[in-house]
C-alpha atoms as a PDB file:
ATOM      1  CA  MET A   1     110.739  39.630 223.493  1.00  0.00           C
ATOM      2  CA  ILE A   2     110.966  36.984 221.327  1.00  0.00           C
ATOM      3  CA  GLN A   3     107.684  34.468 220.755  1.00  0.00           C
ATOM      4  CA  LEU A   4     108.158  31.584 218.761  1.00  0.00           C
ATOM      5  CA  ASN A   5     105.262  30.260 216.332  1.00  0.00           C
ATOM      6  CA  LEU A   6     105.003  26.330 216.788  1.00  0.00           C
ATOM      7  CA  LEU A   7     101.836  25.626 214.671  1.00  0.00           C
ATOM      8  CA  PRO A   8     101.859  27.307 211.425  1.00  0.00           C
ATOM      9  CA  ASP A   9     101.266  24.912 208.828  1.00  0.00           C
ATOM     10  CA  VAL A  10      98.324  24.268 211.534  1.00  0.00           C
ATOM     11  CA  LYS A  11      96.941  27.629 211.469  1.00  0.00           C
ATOM     12  CA  ILE A  12      96.788  28.464 207.826  1.00  0.00           C
ATOM     13  CA  GLU A  13      95.259  25.059 207.103  1.00  0.00           C
ATOM     14  CA  PHE A  14      92.361  26.204 209.654  1.00  0.00           C
ATOM     15  CA  ILE A  15      92.423  29.248 207.861  1.00  0.00           C
ATOM     16  CA  LYS A  16      91.729  27.690 204.635  1.00  0.00           C
ATOM     17  CA  ALA A  17      89.309  25.825 205.954  1.00  0.00           C
ATOM     18  CA  LYS A  18      87.338  28.387 207.982  1.00  0.00           C
ATOM     19  CA  ARG A  19      87.459  30.372 203.910  1.00  0.00           C
ATOM     20  CA  LEU A  20      85.615  27.107 201.965  1.00  0.00           C
ATOM     21  CA  GLN A  21      83.426  26.864 205.361  1.00  0.00           C
ATOM     22  CA  ARG A  22      81.627  30.315 204.630  1.00  0.00           C
ATOM     23  CA  ILE A  23      82.093  29.757 200.828  1.00  0.00           C
ATOM     24  CA  VAL A  24      79.623  26.550 201.280  1.00  0.00           C
ATOM     25  CA  LEU A  25      77.892  27.200 203.706  1.00  0.00           C
ATOM     26  CA  PHE A  26      77.069  30.730 201.217  1.00  0.00           C
ATOM     27  CA  ILE A  27      76.626  28.887 198.214  1.00  0.00           C
ATOM     28  CA  THR A  28      73.838  26.532 200.245  1.00  0.00           C
ATOM     29  CA  ILE A  29      72.475  29.094 201.243  1.00  0.00           C
ATOM     30  CA  ILE A  30      71.716  30.484 197.942  1.00  0.00           C
ATOM     31  CA  THR A  31      70.857  26.694 196.142  1.00  0.00           C
ATOM     32  CA  SER A  32      67.797  26.501 199.339  1.00  0.00           C
ATOM     33  CA  ALA A  33      66.665  29.799 198.577  1.00  0.00           C
ATOM     34  CA  ALA A  34      66.769  29.508 195.349  1.00  0.00           C
ATOM     35  CA  ALA A  35      65.012  25.653 195.515  1.00  0.00           C
ATOM     36  CA  ILE A  36      62.224  27.478 197.790  1.00  0.00           C
ATOM     37  CA  THR A  37      61.250  29.855 195.194  1.00  0.00           C
ATOM     38  CA  VAL A  38      60.950  27.481 192.631  1.00  0.00           C
ATOM     39  CA  PHE A  39      58.839  25.314 194.999  1.00  0.00           C
ATOM     40  CA  ILE A  40      57.151  28.910 196.335  1.00  0.00           C
ATOM     41  CA  ILE A  41      56.317  29.686 192.336  1.00  0.00           C
ATOM     42  CA  LEU A  42      54.894  25.947 191.181  1.00  0.00           C
ATOM     43  CA  TYR A  43      52.638  25.685 194.039  1.00  0.00           C
ATOM     44  CA  ILE A  44      51.431  28.984 193.205  1.00  0.00           C
ATOM     45  CA  LEU A  45      50.754  27.765 189.356  1.00  0.00           C
ATOM     46  CA  VAL A  46      49.344  24.521 190.417  1.00  0.00           C
ATOM     47  CA  ASP A  47      47.464  25.040 193.431  1.00  0.00           C
ATOM     48  CA  VAL A  48      46.349  28.197 192.387  1.00  0.00           C
ATOM     49  CA  THR A  49      46.768  29.277 188.815  1.00  0.00           C
ATOM     50  CA  GLN A  50      45.295  25.338 188.043  1.00  0.00           C
ATOM     51  CA  LYS A  51      42.888  25.497 190.216  1.00  0.00           C
ATOM     52  CA  ASN A  52      41.682  28.870 189.021  1.00  0.00           C
ATOM     53  CA  HIS A  53      41.939  27.507 185.453  1.00  0.00           C
ATOM     54  CA  LEU A  54      40.381  23.955 185.548  1.00  0.00           C
ATOM     55  CA  ALA A  55      37.146  26.602 187.666  1.00  0.00           C
ATOM     56  CA  SER A  56      36.806  29.211 184.855  1.00  0.00           C
ATOM     57  CA  ILE A  57      36.363  25.816 181.724  1.00  0.00           C
ATOM     58  CA  SER A  58      34.407  24.110 184.173  1.00  0.00           C
ATOM     59  CA  GLN A  59      31.870  27.136 184.157  1.00  0.00           C
ATOM     60  CA  LYS A  60      32.074  27.786 180.652  1.00  0.00           C
ATOM     61  CA  ILE A  61      31.773  24.183 180.134  1.00  0.00           C
ATOM     62  CA  VAL A  62      28.560  24.133 182.311  1.00  0.00           C
ATOM     63  CA  THR A  63      27.082  27.563 180.542  1.00  0.00           C
ATOM     64  CA  GLU A  64      27.514  26.684 177.181  1.00  0.00           C
ATOM     65  CA  SER A  65      26.018  23.229 178.065  1.00  0.00           C
ATOM     66  CA  ASN A  66      22.899  25.968 179.845  1.00  0.00           C
ATOM     67  CA  GLN A  67      22.557  27.670 176.051  1.00  0.00           C
ATOM     68  CA  ILE A  68      22.274  24.156 174.224  1.00  0.00           C
ATOM     69  CA  SER A  69      19.407  22.943 176.127  1.00  0.00           C
ATOM     70  CA  SER A  70      17.692  26.252 176.118  1.00  0.00           C
ATOM     71  CA  ASN A  71      17.685  25.983 172.501  1.00  0.00           C
ATOM     72  CA  SER A  72      14.169  24.736 171.756  1.00  0.00           C
ATOM     73  CA  ASP A  73      15.370  23.376 168.628  1.00  0.00           C
ATOM     74  CA  VAL A  74      18.158  21.137 169.690  1.00  0.00           C
ATOM     75  CA  ASN A  75      16.788  17.898 169.290  1.00  0.00           C
ATOM     76  CA  LYS A  76      16.297  18.921 165.764  1.00  0.00           C
ATOM     77  CA  ILE A  77      20.318  18.875 164.891  1.00  0.00           C
ATOM     78  CA  ILE A  78      21.394  15.676 164.385  1.00  0.00           C
ATOM     79  CA  SER A  79      24.854  14.542 164.524  1.00  0.00           C
ATOM     80  CA  ILE A  80      26.810  12.929 161.347  1.00  0.00           C
ATOM     81  CA  GLN A  81      26.610   9.260 163.819  1.00  0.00           C
ATOM     82  CA  GLU A  82      23.894   9.542 164.335  1.00  0.00           C
ATOM     83  CA  ARG A  83      22.532  10.127 160.432  1.00  0.00           C
ATOM     84  CA  LEU A  84      24.764   6.721 159.728  1.00  0.00           C
ATOM     85  CA  LEU A  85      23.292   4.512 162.845  1.00  0.00           C
ATOM     86  CA  ASN A  86      19.390   6.270 161.941  1.00  0.00           C
ATOM     87  CA  THR A  87      18.246   3.818 159.504  1.00  0.00           C
ATOM     88  CA  ASP A  88      15.330   6.844 158.144  1.00  0.00           C
ATOM     89  CA  GLY A  89      19.058   9.078 157.168  1.00  0.00           C
ATOM     90  CA  LEU A  90      21.908   8.897 155.195  1.00  0.00           C
ATOM     91  CA  PRO A  91      20.726   4.772 153.343  1.00  0.00           C
ATOM     92  CA  SER A  92      17.204   6.640 153.507  1.00  0.00           C
ATOM     93  CA  LEU A  93      17.877   9.992 151.722  1.00  0.00           C
ATOM     94  CA  TYR A  94      20.628   7.411 149.361  1.00  0.00           C
ATOM     95  CA  SER A  95      16.997   5.131 147.778  1.00  0.00           C
ATOM     96  CA  ASN A  96      15.543   8.246 147.748  1.00  0.00           C
ATOM     97  CA  ARG A  97      18.029  10.267 145.809  1.00  0.00           C
ATOM     98  CA  ILE A  98      16.984  11.911 142.528  1.00  0.00           C
ATOM     99  CA  ASN A  99      18.248  10.508 139.593  1.00  0.00           C
ATOM    100  CA  ALA A 100      18.089  14.714 137.938  1.00  0.00           C
ATOM    101  CA  PRO A 101      20.663  13.491 134.389  1.00  0.00           C
ATOM    102  CA  VAL A 102      16.994  11.027 133.071  1.00  0.00           C
ATOM    103  CA  ILE A 103      15.760  14.853 131.862  1.00  0.00           C
ATOM    104  CA  PHE A 104      18.209  14.735 129.382  1.00  0.00           C
ATOM    105  CA  ASP A 105      17.023  11.506 128.228  1.00  0.00           C
ATOM    106  CA  TYR A 106      13.832  12.297 128.122  1.00  0.00           C
ATOM    107  CA  LEU A 107      14.374  15.530 125.620  1.00  0.00           C
ATOM    108  CA  ASN A 108      16.762  13.456 123.300  1.00  0.00           C
ATOM    109  CA  GLN A 109      13.447  10.945 123.074  1.00  0.00           C
ATOM    110  CA  VAL A 110      11.664  14.195 121.839  1.00  0.00           C
ATOM    111  CA  ILE A 111      13.816  15.911 120.341  1.00  0.00           C
ATOM    112  CA  ALA A 112      13.474  17.014 116.695  1.00  0.00           C
ATOM    113  CA  LYS A 113      16.034  17.513 114.478  1.00  0.00           C
ATOM    114  CA  GLY A 114      17.134  20.301 113.112  1.00  0.00           C
ATOM    115  CA  ILE A 115      16.477  21.583 116.814  1.00  0.00           C
ATOM    116  CA  THR A 116      18.857  22.251 119.799  1.00  0.00           C
ATOM    117  CA  ILE A 117      19.195  23.108 123.470  1.00  0.00           C
ATOM    118  CA  ASP A 118      21.233  26.130 124.428  1.00  0.00           C
ATOM    119  CA  ASN A 119      19.290  25.510 128.674  1.00  0.00           C
ATOM    120  CA  VAL A 120      17.495  23.893 130.694  1.00  0.00           C
ATOM    121  CA  THR A 121      16.093  24.710 133.987  1.00  0.00           C
ATOM    122  CA  ILE A 122      13.813  22.236 136.478  1.00  0.00           C
ATOM    123  CA  ASN A 123      12.880  22.143 139.769  1.00  0.00           C
ATOM    124  CA  TYR A 124      12.666  18.441 140.877  1.00  0.00           C
ATOM    125  CA  GLN A 125       9.933  18.886 143.626  1.00  0.00           C
ATOM    126  CA  THR A 126       7.300  20.446 141.145  1.00  0.00           C
ATOM    127  CA  GLY A 127       8.545  19.585 137.797  1.00  0.00           C
ATOM    128  CA  ALA A 128       8.406  22.696 136.994  1.00  0.00           C
ATOM    129  CA  LEU A 129      10.616  22.707 133.678  1.00  0.00           C
ATOM    130  CA  SER A 130      11.972  25.556 131.089  1.00  0.00           C
ATOM    131  CA  PHE A 131      14.407  24.941 128.275  1.00  0.00           C
ATOM    132  CA  GLY A 132      15.986  26.726 125.175  1.00  0.00           C
ATOM    133  CA  GLY A 133      17.947  26.511 122.274  1.00  0.00           C
ATOM    134  CA  LYS A 134      17.315  26.785 118.169  1.00  0.00           C
ATOM    135  CA  ALA A 135      15.855  25.521 115.354  1.00  0.00           C
ATOM    136  CA  ASP A 136      16.966  25.889 111.222  1.00  0.00           C
ATOM    137  CA  THR A 137      13.730  26.846 109.992  1.00  0.00           C
ATOM    138  CA  LEU A 138       9.926  27.241 111.651  1.00  0.00           C
ATOM    139  CA  LEU A 139       9.167  24.262 110.670  1.00  0.00           C
ATOM    140  CA  ASP A 140      12.070  21.849 112.429  1.00  0.00           C
ATOM    141  CA  GLY A 141      10.330  24.480 115.224  1.00  0.00           C
ATOM    142  CA  ASN A 142       6.993  23.169 114.775  1.00  0.00           C
ATOM    143  CA  ILE A 143       7.284  19.446 114.406  1.00  0.00           C
ATOM    144  CA  PHE A 144       9.388  19.974 117.748  1.00  0.00           C
ATOM    145  CA  ASN A 145       6.330  21.319 119.296  1.00  0.00           C
ATOM    146  CA  GLN A 146       3.703  18.413 118.382  1.00  0.00           C
ATOM    147  CA  GLN A 147       6.364  16.508 119.682  1.00  0.00           C
ATOM    148  CA  LEU A 148       6.550  17.718 123.074  1.00  0.00           C
ATOM    149  CA  GLN A 149       2.446  18.236 122.867  1.00  0.00           C
ATOM    150  CA  ARG A 150       2.306  14.248 121.597  1.00  0.00           C
ATOM    151  CA  ALA A 151       4.712  12.420 123.158  1.00  0.00           C
ATOM    152  CA  THR A 152       3.571   9.954 126.019  1.00  0.00           C
ATOM    153  CA  TYR A 153       5.072   7.586 128.666  1.00  0.00           C
ATOM    154  CA  HIS A 154       3.703   4.488 130.369  1.00  0.00           C
ATOM    155  CA  LEU A 155       6.178   2.680 133.058  1.00  0.00           C
ATOM    156  CA  LYS A 156       7.655  -1.004 132.132  1.00  0.00           C
ATOM    157  CA  SER A 157       5.868  -2.488 135.526  1.00  0.00           C
ATOM    158  CA  SER A 158       2.373  -1.091 134.891  1.00  0.00           C
ATOM    159  CA  THR A 159      -0.559  -1.948 132.310  1.00  0.00           C
ATOM    160  CA  GLY A 160      -2.507   1.388 132.425  1.00  0.00           C
ATOM    161  CA  SER A 161      -2.582   3.825 129.638  1.00  0.00           C
ATOM    162  CA  GLU A 162      -0.678   6.435 128.136  1.00  0.00           C
ATOM    163  CA  ILE A 163       0.345   9.270 130.341  1.00  0.00           C
ATOM    164  CA  ASN A 164       1.772  12.494 128.792  1.00  0.00           C
ATOM    165  CA  LEU A 165       4.807  13.494 128.724  1.00  0.00           C
ATOM    166  CA  LEU A 166       4.674  16.742 129.246  1.00  0.00           C
ATOM    167  CA  GLN A 167       1.811  18.782 130.525  1.00  0.00           C
ATOM    168  CA  GLY A 168       0.961  22.540 129.806  1.00  0.00           C
ATOM    169  CA  VAL A 169       3.642  23.170 126.670  1.00  0.00           C
ATOM    170  CA  ILE A 170       3.967  26.728 125.991  1.00  0.00           C
ATOM    171  CA  MET A 171       6.526  27.691 123.429  1.00  0.00           C
ATOM    172  CA  THR A 172       7.858  31.033 122.545  1.00  0.00           C
ATOM    173  CA  GLY A 173       9.925  33.276 119.811  1.00  0.00           C
ATOM    174  CA  LEU A 174       7.907  30.108 117.246  1.00  0.00           C
ATOM    175  CA  THR A 175       4.719  29.989 116.196  1.00  0.00           C
ATOM    176  CA  SER A 176       2.986  26.569 115.919  1.00  0.00           C
ATOM    177  CA  ASN A 177       0.198  27.331 113.684  1.00  0.00           C
ATOM    178  CA  VAL A 178       1.844  28.956 110.550  1.00  0.00           C
ATOM    179  CA  SER A 179       1.695  28.252 106.678  1.00  0.00           C
ATOM    180  CA  VAL A 180       5.292  26.678 106.533  1.00  0.00           C
ATOM    181  CA  ASP A 181       7.072  25.032 102.916  1.00  0.00           C
ATOM    182  CA  THR A 182       7.227  21.273 102.546  1.00  0.00           C
ATOM    183  CA  THR A 183      10.941  21.314 101.639  1.00  0.00           C
ATOM    184  CA  LYS A 184      11.765  23.536 103.979  1.00  0.00           C
ATOM    185  CA  ASN A 185      13.658  26.091 101.938  1.00  0.00           C
ATOM    186  CA  SER A 186      14.030  29.196 104.610  1.00  0.00           C
ATOM    187  CA  THR A 187      14.415  32.842 104.556  1.00  0.00           C
ATOM    188  CA  SER A 188      16.342  33.488 105.951  1.00  0.00           C
ATOM    189  CA  SER A 189      20.080  31.546 106.961  1.00  0.00           C
ATOM    190  CA  ASN A 190      19.933  32.475 110.378  1.00  0.00           C
ATOM    191  CA  LYS A 191      18.319  30.011 113.122  1.00  0.00           C
ATOM    192  CA  ILE A 192      15.907  30.469 115.339  1.00  0.00           C
ATOM    193  CA  ALA A 193      15.557  30.706 118.981  1.00  0.00           C
ATOM    194  CA  TYR A 194      12.854  29.445 121.228  1.00  0.00           C
ATOM    195  CA  SER A 195      11.905  28.602 124.585  1.00  0.00           C
ATOM    196  CA  VAL A 196       9.458  26.363 125.779  1.00  0.00           C
ATOM    197  CA  THR A 197       7.497  25.922 129.367  1.00  0.00           C
ATOM    198  CA  ALA A 198       6.151  22.761 130.430  1.00  0.00           C
ATOM    199  CA  ILE A 199       5.194  20.674 133.605  1.00  0.00           C
ATOM    200  CA  ILE A 200       6.935  17.391 133.557  1.00  0.00           C
ATOM    201  CA  SER A 201       5.510  14.800 136.750  1.00  0.00           C
ATOM    202  CA  PRO A 202       9.092  14.748 139.345  1.00  0.00           C
ATOM    203  CA  SER A 203       7.685  10.750 139.749  1.00  0.00           C
ATOM    204  CA  LEU A 204       9.923   9.671 137.212  1.00  0.00           C
ATOM    205  CA  PHE A 205      13.202  11.754 138.641  1.00  0.00           C
ATOM    206  CA  LYS A 206      12.977   9.043 140.975  1.00  0.00           C
ATOM    207  CA  LYS A 207      15.196   5.849 141.009  1.00  0.00           C
ATOM    208  CA  ASP A 208      14.662   2.323 139.264  1.00  0.00           C
ATOM    209  CA  VAL A 209      11.810   4.677 137.320  1.00  0.00           C
ATOM    210  CA  ASN A 210      12.377   3.674 133.220  1.00  0.00           C
ATOM    211  CA  PRO A 211       8.931   4.900 131.697  1.00  0.00           C
ATOM    212  CA  VAL A 212       8.442   3.860 128.047  1.00  0.00           C
ATOM    213  CA  ILE A 213       8.408   7.206 125.412  1.00  0.00           C
ATOM    214  CA  ASN A 214       6.486   7.233 122.650  1.00  0.00           C
ATOM    215  CA  VAL A 215       6.398   9.745 119.879  1.00  0.00           C
ATOM    216  CA  PRO A 216       3.599   9.345 117.851  1.00  0.00           C
ATOM    217  CA  ASN A 217       5.136   9.747 113.982  1.00  0.00           C
ATOM    218  CA  GLN A 218       2.064  12.055 113.020  1.00  0.00           C
ATOM    219  CA  ASN A 219       2.679  16.101 112.437  1.00  0.00           C
ATOM    220  CA  VAL A 220       2.168  18.915 110.644  1.00  0.00           C
ATOM    221  CA  THR A 221       4.041  18.199 107.627  1.00  0.00           C
ATOM    222  CA  PRO A 222       4.689  15.045 105.962  1.00  0.00           C
ATOM    223  CA  SER A 223       8.482  15.497 106.490  1.00  0.00           C
ATOM    224  CA  THR A 224       9.589  11.994 108.189  1.00  0.00           C
ATOM    225  CA  ILE A 225      11.358  13.205 111.810  1.00  0.00           C
ATOM    226  CA  ASP A 226      14.448  12.549 113.052  1.00  0.00           C
ATOM    227  CA  GLN A 227      15.435  11.719 116.820  1.00  0.00           C
ATOM    228  CA  PRO A 228      19.372  13.126 116.752  1.00  0.00           C
ATOM    229  CA  LYS A 229      21.499  12.996 120.057  1.00  0.00           C
ATOM    230  CA  ILE A 230      22.033  15.829 121.039  1.00  0.00           C
ATOM    231  CA  PHE A 231      23.142  15.488 124.868  1.00  0.00           C
ATOM    232  CA  THR A 232      26.950  12.835 125.017  1.00  0.00           C
ATOM    233  CA  GLN A 233      27.649  11.537 127.758  1.00  0.00           C
END
């Protein structure tokens, strides 16, 4: 029996179309599955993980706030902004600042010839002053000791009596009442170390304080006293 296929081309095209349909359907299913998977992941991240993260941060903020509030000294903590805006803050501190370098000006005015100062220590709150250095001779040391004890000052705006610049002057390393040769011939070429402790008024280190220092030209010897500038600016 002979069978004739009257539609061979149409059948072939139909088979190809069915195969293409299955391929497209497969790709569509895979793509949809991937899209659904991505959607589920994003939903978990946004709706679950992010909510838990925000809740954790909120709880941490509450815990830290309670910890700060429980600090009894929290009101003593001042921010930089408050210090800048507070009239009793930085402007007040600046206007009441200590004029520390002025100590060198004071010492320059009472220093004697032949004296060098190697170190200076001062407490600006109490006025405790100590310094040390070297003297060329015993005579120079004695003259310096006398000048420290006799130096006085008065404020330009004051008409009161003279006030001792230094209180309780104690010099060690030199003997202030030894007999010395007025020719200043030392038996040794080595310089003599000394140290001084005294009290100076803390008010002399305030801003715009301009004391007039007076060093009487009266010494234990007839030697002339010079006042060299040992500090340079």
